[in-house]
Amino acid sequence: LLDLPPLPSYVHGRTALLGDAAHAMA
């Protein structure tokens, strides 16, 4: 099992991160 550390943003330029790409969790 893995999760993600907090990201500084869910947006980078014209890209939006969603779901596990942004906030994978236990």
PDB file of all heavy atoms in Angstrom:
ATOM      1  N   LEU A   1       0.825  -1.202   0.000  1.00  0.00           N
ATOM      2  CA  LEU A   1       0.000   0.000   0.000  1.00  0.00           C
ATOM      3  C   LEU A   1       0.864   1.258   0.000  1.00  0.00           C
ATOM      4  O   LEU A   1       1.870   1.344   0.710  1.00  0.00           O
ATOM      5  CB  LEU A   1      -0.932   0.004   1.205  1.00  0.00           C
ATOM      6  CG  LEU A   1      -2.054  -1.043   1.166  1.00  0.00           C
ATOM      7  CD1 LEU A   1      -2.894  -0.951   2.430  1.00  0.00           C
ATOM      8  CD2 LEU A   1      -2.931  -0.861  -0.063  1.00  0.00           C
ATOM      9  N   LEU A   2       0.417   2.238  -0.776  1.00  0.00           N
ATOM     10  CA  LEU A   2       1.107   3.501  -0.939  1.00  0.00           C
ATOM     11  C   LEU A   2       0.099   4.640  -0.830  1.00  0.00           C
ATOM     12  O   LEU A   2      -1.097   4.453  -1.034  1.00  0.00           O
ATOM     13  CB  LEU A   2       1.779   3.575  -2.323  1.00  0.00           C
ATOM     14  CG  LEU A   2       2.666   2.411  -2.754  1.00  0.00           C
ATOM     15  CD1 LEU A   2       2.967   2.518  -4.238  1.00  0.00           C
ATOM     16  CD2 LEU A   2       3.965   2.398  -1.954  1.00  0.00           C
ATOM     17  N   ASP A   3       0.580   5.831  -0.512  1.00  0.00           N
ATOM     18  CA  ASP A   3      -0.221   7.031  -0.694  1.00  0.00           C
ATOM     19  C   ASP A   3       0.686   8.131  -1.223  1.00  0.00           C
ATOM     20  O   ASP A   3       1.867   7.901  -1.508  1.00  0.00           O
ATOM     21  CB  ASP A   3      -0.978   7.426   0.588  1.00  0.00           C
ATOM     22  CG  ASP A   3      -0.074   8.011   1.676  1.00  0.00           C
ATOM     23  OD1 ASP A   3       1.166   8.082   1.489  1.00  0.00           O
ATOM     24  OD2 ASP A   3      -0.609   8.397   2.732  1.00  0.00           O
ATOM     25  N   LEU A   4       0.132   9.324  -1.385  1.00  0.00           N
ATOM     26  CA  LEU A   4       0.916  10.434  -1.917  1.00  0.00           C
ATOM     27  C   LEU A   4       1.132  11.497  -0.857  1.00  0.00           C
ATOM     28  O   LEU A   4       0.212  11.813  -0.096  1.00  0.00           O
ATOM     29  CB  LEU A   4       0.195  11.095  -3.098  1.00  0.00           C
ATOM     30  CG  LEU A   4       0.317  10.439  -4.470  1.00  0.00           C
ATOM     31  CD1 LEU A   4      -0.497  11.235  -5.479  1.00  0.00           C
ATOM     32  CD2 LEU A   4       1.774  10.351  -4.918  1.00  0.00           C
ATOM     33  N   PRO A   5       2.324  12.073  -0.809  1.00  0.00           N
ATOM     34  CA  PRO A   5       2.518  13.257   0.044  1.00  0.00           C
ATOM     35  C   PRO A   5       1.746  14.426  -0.539  1.00  0.00           C
ATOM     36  O   PRO A   5       1.384  14.417  -1.723  1.00  0.00           O
ATOM     37  CB  PRO A   5       4.031  13.486  -0.021  1.00  0.00           C
ATOM     38  CG  PRO A   5       4.450  12.887  -1.325  1.00  0.00           C
ATOM     39  CD  PRO A   5       3.540  11.718  -1.562  1.00  0.00           C
ATOM     40  N   PRO A   6       1.472  15.453   0.260  1.00  0.00           N
ATOM     41  CA  PRO A   6       0.711  16.601  -0.241  1.00  0.00           C
ATOM     42  C   PRO A   6       1.421  17.278  -1.419  1.00  0.00           C
ATOM     43  O   PRO A   6       2.625  17.496  -1.391  1.00  0.00           O
ATOM     44  CB  PRO A   6       0.628  17.535   0.964  1.00  0.00           C
ATOM     45  CG  PRO A   6       0.874  16.663   2.154  1.00  0.00           C
ATOM     46  CD  PRO A   6       1.804  15.592   1.697  1.00  0.00           C
ATOM     47  N   LEU A   7       0.651  17.622  -2.438  1.00  0.00           N
ATOM     48  CA  LEU A   7       1.178  18.337  -3.593  1.00  0.00           C
ATOM     49  C   LEU A   7       1.020  19.844  -3.397  1.00  0.00           C
ATOM     50  O   LEU A   7       0.069  20.287  -2.745  1.00  0.00           O
ATOM     51  CB  LEU A   7       0.436  17.914  -4.869  1.00  0.00           C
ATOM     52  CG  LEU A   7       0.538  16.454  -5.296  1.00  0.00           C
ATOM     53  CD1 LEU A   7      -0.251  16.241  -6.581  1.00  0.00           C
ATOM     54  CD2 LEU A   7       1.975  16.023  -5.477  1.00  0.00           C
ATOM     55  N   PRO A   8       1.900  20.637  -3.986  1.00  0.00           N
ATOM     56  CA  PRO A   8       1.744  22.094  -3.886  1.00  0.00           C
ATOM     57  C   PRO A   8       0.567  22.613  -4.689  1.00  0.00           C
ATOM     58  O   PRO A   8       0.072  23.713  -4.436  1.00  0.00           O
ATOM     59  CB  PRO A   8       3.069  22.621  -4.434  1.00  0.00           C
ATOM     60  CG  PRO A   8       3.568  21.545  -5.336  1.00  0.00           C
ATOM     61  CD  PRO A   8       3.133  20.257  -4.695  1.00  0.00           C
ATOM     62  N   SER A   9       0.096  21.826  -5.661  1.00  0.00           N
ATOM     63  CA  SER A   9      -1.054  22.209  -6.465  1.00  0.00           C
ATOM     64  C   SER A   9      -1.553  20.975  -7.202  1.00  0.00           C
ATOM     65  O   SER A   9      -0.794  20.023  -7.420  1.00  0.00           O
ATOM     66  CB  SER A   9      -0.682  23.300  -7.480  1.00  0.00           C
ATOM     67  OG  SER A   9      -1.774  23.619  -8.308  1.00  0.00           O
ATOM     68  N   TYR A  10      -2.824  20.973  -7.562  1.00  0.00           N
ATOM     69  CA  TYR A  10      -3.365  19.923  -8.435  1.00  0.00           C
ATOM     70  C   TYR A  10      -3.387  20.397  -9.883  1.00  0.00           C
ATOM     71  O   TYR A  10      -3.963  19.719 -10.752  1.00  0.00           O
ATOM     72  CB  TYR A  10      -4.775  19.528  -8.008  1.00  0.00           C
ATOM     73  CG  TYR A  10      -4.850  18.763  -6.702  1.00  0.00           C
ATOM     74  CD1 TYR A  10      -6.085  18.462  -6.125  1.00  0.00           C
ATOM     75  CD2 TYR A  10      -3.709  18.315  -6.046  1.00  0.00           C
ATOM     76  CE1 TYR A  10      -6.169  17.753  -4.934  1.00  0.00           C
ATOM     77  CE2 TYR A  10      -3.776  17.620  -4.862  1.00  0.00           C
ATOM     78  CZ  TYR A  10      -5.019  17.343  -4.302  1.00  0.00           C
ATOM     79  OH  TYR A  10      -5.102  16.648  -3.124  1.00  0.00           O
ATOM     80  N   VAL A  11      -2.767  21.522 -10.141  1.00  0.00           N
ATOM     81  CA  VAL A  11      -2.746  22.113 -11.480  1.00  0.00           C
ATOM     82  C   VAL A  11      -1.313  22.478 -11.832  1.00  0.00           C
ATOM     83  O   VAL A  11      -0.565  23.009 -11.005  1.00  0.00           O
ATOM     84  CB  VAL A  11      -3.642  23.364 -11.539  1.00  0.00           C
ATOM     85  CG1 VAL A  11      -3.481  24.088 -12.868  1.00  0.00           C
ATOM     86  CG2 VAL A  11      -5.102  22.987 -11.314  1.00  0.00           C
ATOM     87  N   HIS A  12      -0.936  22.170 -13.074  1.00  0.00           N
ATOM     88  CA  HIS A  12       0.383  22.576 -13.582  1.00  0.00           C
ATOM     89  C   HIS A  12       0.183  23.022 -15.018  1.00  0.00           C
ATOM     90  O   HIS A  12      -0.057  22.209 -15.908  1.00  0.00           O
ATOM     91  CB  HIS A  12       1.365  21.408 -13.511  1.00  0.00           C
ATOM     92  CG  HIS A  12       2.761  21.772 -13.914  1.00  0.00           C
ATOM     93  ND1 HIS A  12       3.256  21.537 -15.169  1.00  0.00           N
ATOM     94  CD2 HIS A  12       3.762  22.386 -13.224  1.00  0.00           C
ATOM     95  CE1 HIS A  12       4.509  21.953 -15.243  1.00  0.00           C
ATOM     96  NE2 HIS A  12       4.844  22.470 -14.077  1.00  0.00           N
ATOM     97  N   GLY A  13       0.242  24.345 -15.233  1.00  0.00           N
ATOM     98  CA  GLY A  13      -0.037  24.864 -16.566  1.00  0.00           C
ATOM     99  C   GLY A  13      -1.469  24.566 -16.968  1.00  0.00           C
ATOM    100  O   GLY A  13      -2.415  24.923 -16.276  1.00  0.00           O
ATOM    101  N   ARG A  14      -1.646  23.848 -18.079  1.00  0.00           N
ATOM    102  CA  ARG A  14      -2.980  23.480 -18.551  1.00  0.00           C
ATOM    103  C   ARG A  14      -3.384  22.071 -18.112  1.00  0.00           C
ATOM    104  O   ARG A  14      -4.382  21.526 -18.586  1.00  0.00           O
ATOM    105  CB  ARG A  14      -3.032  23.577 -20.076  1.00  0.00           C
ATOM    106  CG  ARG A  14      -2.068  22.612 -20.791  1.00  0.00           C
ATOM    107  CD  ARG A  14      -1.977  22.920 -22.282  1.00  0.00           C
ATOM    108  NE  ARG A  14      -0.966  22.071 -22.929  1.00  0.00           N
ATOM    109  CZ  ARG A  14      -1.250  21.004 -23.673  1.00  0.00           C
ATOM    110  NH1 ARG A  14      -2.509  20.655 -23.878  1.00  0.00           N
ATOM    111  NH2 ARG A  14      -0.282  20.306 -24.236  1.00  0.00           N
ATOM    112  N   THR A  15      -2.617  21.480 -17.204  1.00  0.00           N
ATOM    113  CA  THR A  15      -2.870  20.112 -16.745  1.00  0.00           C
ATOM    114  C   THR A  15      -3.502  20.120 -15.360  1.00  0.00           C
ATOM    115  O   THR A  15      -3.016  20.792 -14.448  1.00  0.00           O
ATOM    116  CB  THR A  15      -1.559  19.301 -16.697  1.00  0.00           C
ATOM    117  OG1 THR A  15      -0.990  19.252 -18.012  1.00  0.00           O
ATOM    118  CG2 THR A  15      -1.816  17.888 -16.207  1.00  0.00           C
ATOM    119  N   ALA A  16      -4.575  19.343 -15.202  1.00  0.00           N
ATOM    120  CA  ALA A  16      -5.219  19.149 -13.908  1.00  0.00           C
ATOM    121  C   ALA A  16      -5.058  17.700 -13.481  1.00  0.00           C
ATOM    122  O   ALA A  16      -5.299  16.780 -14.274  1.00  0.00           O
ATOM    123  CB  ALA A  16      -6.707  19.503 -13.985  1.00  0.00           C
ATOM    124  N   LEU A  17      -4.628  17.480 -12.246  1.00  0.00           N
ATOM    125  CA  LEU A  17      -4.471  16.144 -11.683  1.00  0.00           C
ATOM    126  C   LEU A  17      -5.748  15.746 -10.948  1.00  0.00           C
ATOM    127  O   LEU A  17      -6.268  16.527 -10.139  1.00  0.00           O
ATOM    128  CB  LEU A  17      -3.296  16.110 -10.717  1.00  0.00           C
ATOM    129  CG  LEU A  17      -1.927  16.468 -11.286  1.00  0.00           C
ATOM    130  CD1 LEU A  17      -0.927  16.673 -10.159  1.00  0.00           C
ATOM    131  CD2 LEU A  17      -1.439  15.389 -12.230  1.00  0.00           C
ATOM    132  N   LEU A  18      -6.212  14.527 -11.179  1.00  0.00           N
ATOM    133  CA  LEU A  18      -7.433  14.042 -10.550  1.00  0.00           C
ATOM    134  C   LEU A  18      -7.209  12.663  -9.949  1.00  0.00           C
ATOM    135  O   LEU A  18      -6.338  11.901 -10.382  1.00  0.00           O
ATOM    136  CB  LEU A  18      -8.582  13.931 -11.572  1.00  0.00           C
ATOM    137  CG  LEU A  18      -9.379  15.189 -11.898  1.00  0.00           C
ATOM    138  CD1 LEU A  18      -8.558  16.139 -12.741  1.00  0.00           C
ATOM    139  CD2 LEU A  18     -10.677  14.817 -12.622  1.00  0.00           C
ATOM    140  N   GLY A  19      -8.049  12.314  -8.970  1.00  0.00           N
ATOM    141  CA  GLY A  19      -8.048  10.964  -8.414  1.00  0.00           C
ATOM    142  C   GLY A  19      -6.714  10.596  -7.805  1.00  0.00           C
ATOM    143  O   GLY A  19      -6.047  11.411  -7.159  1.00  0.00           O
ATOM    144  N   ASP A  20      -6.301   9.343  -8.014  1.00  0.00           N
ATOM    145  CA  ASP A  20      -5.055   8.866  -7.416  1.00  0.00           C
ATOM    146  C   ASP A  20      -3.831   9.624  -7.912  1.00  0.00           C
ATOM    147  O   ASP A  20      -2.810   9.653  -7.228  1.00  0.00           O
ATOM    148  CB  ASP A  20      -4.885   7.368  -7.699  1.00  0.00           C
ATOM    149  CG  ASP A  20      -5.739   6.504  -6.798  1.00  0.00           C
ATOM    150  OD1 ASP A  20      -6.352   7.041  -5.861  1.00  0.00           O
ATOM    151  OD2 ASP A  20      -5.811   5.277  -7.041  1.00  0.00           O
ATOM    152  N   ALA A  21      -3.894  10.203  -9.073  1.00  0.00           N
ATOM    153  CA  ALA A  21      -2.756  10.998  -9.549  1.00  0.00           C
ATOM    154  C   ALA A  21      -2.530  12.217  -8.676  1.00  0.00           C
ATOM    155  O   ALA A  21      -1.409  12.710  -8.564  1.00  0.00           O
ATOM    156  CB  ALA A  21      -2.995  11.434 -10.994  1.00  0.00           C
ATOM    157  N   ALA A  22      -3.601  12.707  -8.029  1.00  0.00           N
ATOM    158  CA  ALA A  22      -3.504  13.899  -7.190  1.00  0.00           C
ATOM    159  C   ALA A  22      -3.410  13.575  -5.719  1.00  0.00           C
ATOM    160  O   ALA A  22      -2.672  14.236  -4.977  1.00  0.00           O
ATOM    161  CB  ALA A  22      -4.718  14.802  -7.431  1.00  0.00           C
ATOM    162  N   HIS A  23      -4.159  12.578  -5.257  1.00  0.00           N
ATOM    163  CA  HIS A  23      -4.285  12.357  -3.811  1.00  0.00           C
ATOM    164  C   HIS A  23      -4.516  10.891  -3.469  1.00  0.00           C
ATOM    165  O   HIS A  23      -5.422  10.560  -2.706  1.00  0.00           O
ATOM    166  CB  HIS A  23      -5.414  13.220  -3.232  1.00  0.00           C
ATOM    167  CG  HIS A  23      -6.698  13.151  -4.023  1.00  0.00           C
ATOM    168  ND1 HIS A  23      -7.485  12.007  -4.086  1.00  0.00           N
ATOM    169  CD2 HIS A  23      -7.315  14.074  -4.788  1.00  0.00           C
ATOM    170  CE1 HIS A  23      -8.529  12.247  -4.845  1.00  0.00           C
ATOM    171  NE2 HIS A  23      -8.461  13.487  -5.292  1.00  0.00           N
ATOM    172  N   ALA A  24      -3.704   9.995  -4.019  1.00  0.00           N
ATOM    173  CA  ALA A  24      -3.826   8.581  -3.662  1.00  0.00           C
ATOM    174  C   ALA A  24      -3.741   8.431  -2.153  1.00  0.00           C
ATOM    175  O   ALA A  24      -2.916   9.059  -1.496  1.00  0.00           O
ATOM    176  CB  ALA A  24      -2.714   7.773  -4.330  1.00  0.00           C
ATOM    177  N   MET A  25      -4.619   7.588  -1.598  1.00  0.00           N
ATOM    178  CA  MET A  25      -4.729   7.496  -0.146  1.00  0.00           C
ATOM    179  C   MET A  25      -4.840   6.052   0.300  1.00  0.00           C
ATOM    180  O   MET A  25      -5.167   5.150  -0.484  1.00  0.00           O
ATOM    181  CB  MET A  25      -5.962   8.272   0.335  1.00  0.00           C
ATOM    182  CG  MET A  25      -7.277   7.754  -0.201  1.00  0.00           C
ATOM    183  SD  MET A  25      -8.685   8.840   0.195  1.00  0.00           S
ATOM    184  CE  MET A  25      -8.326  10.285  -0.823  1.00  0.00           C
ATOM    185  N   ALA A  26      -4.572   5.824   1.583  1.00  0.00           N
ATOM    186  CA  ALA A  26      -4.801   4.504   2.175  1.00  0.00           C
ATOM    187  C   ALA A  26      -6.275   4.139   2.029  1.00  0.00           C
ATOM    188  O   ALA A  26      -7.149   5.016   2.077  1.00  0.00           O
ATOM    189  CB  ALA A  26      -4.404   4.517   3.650  1.00  0.00           C
TER     190      ALA A  26
END
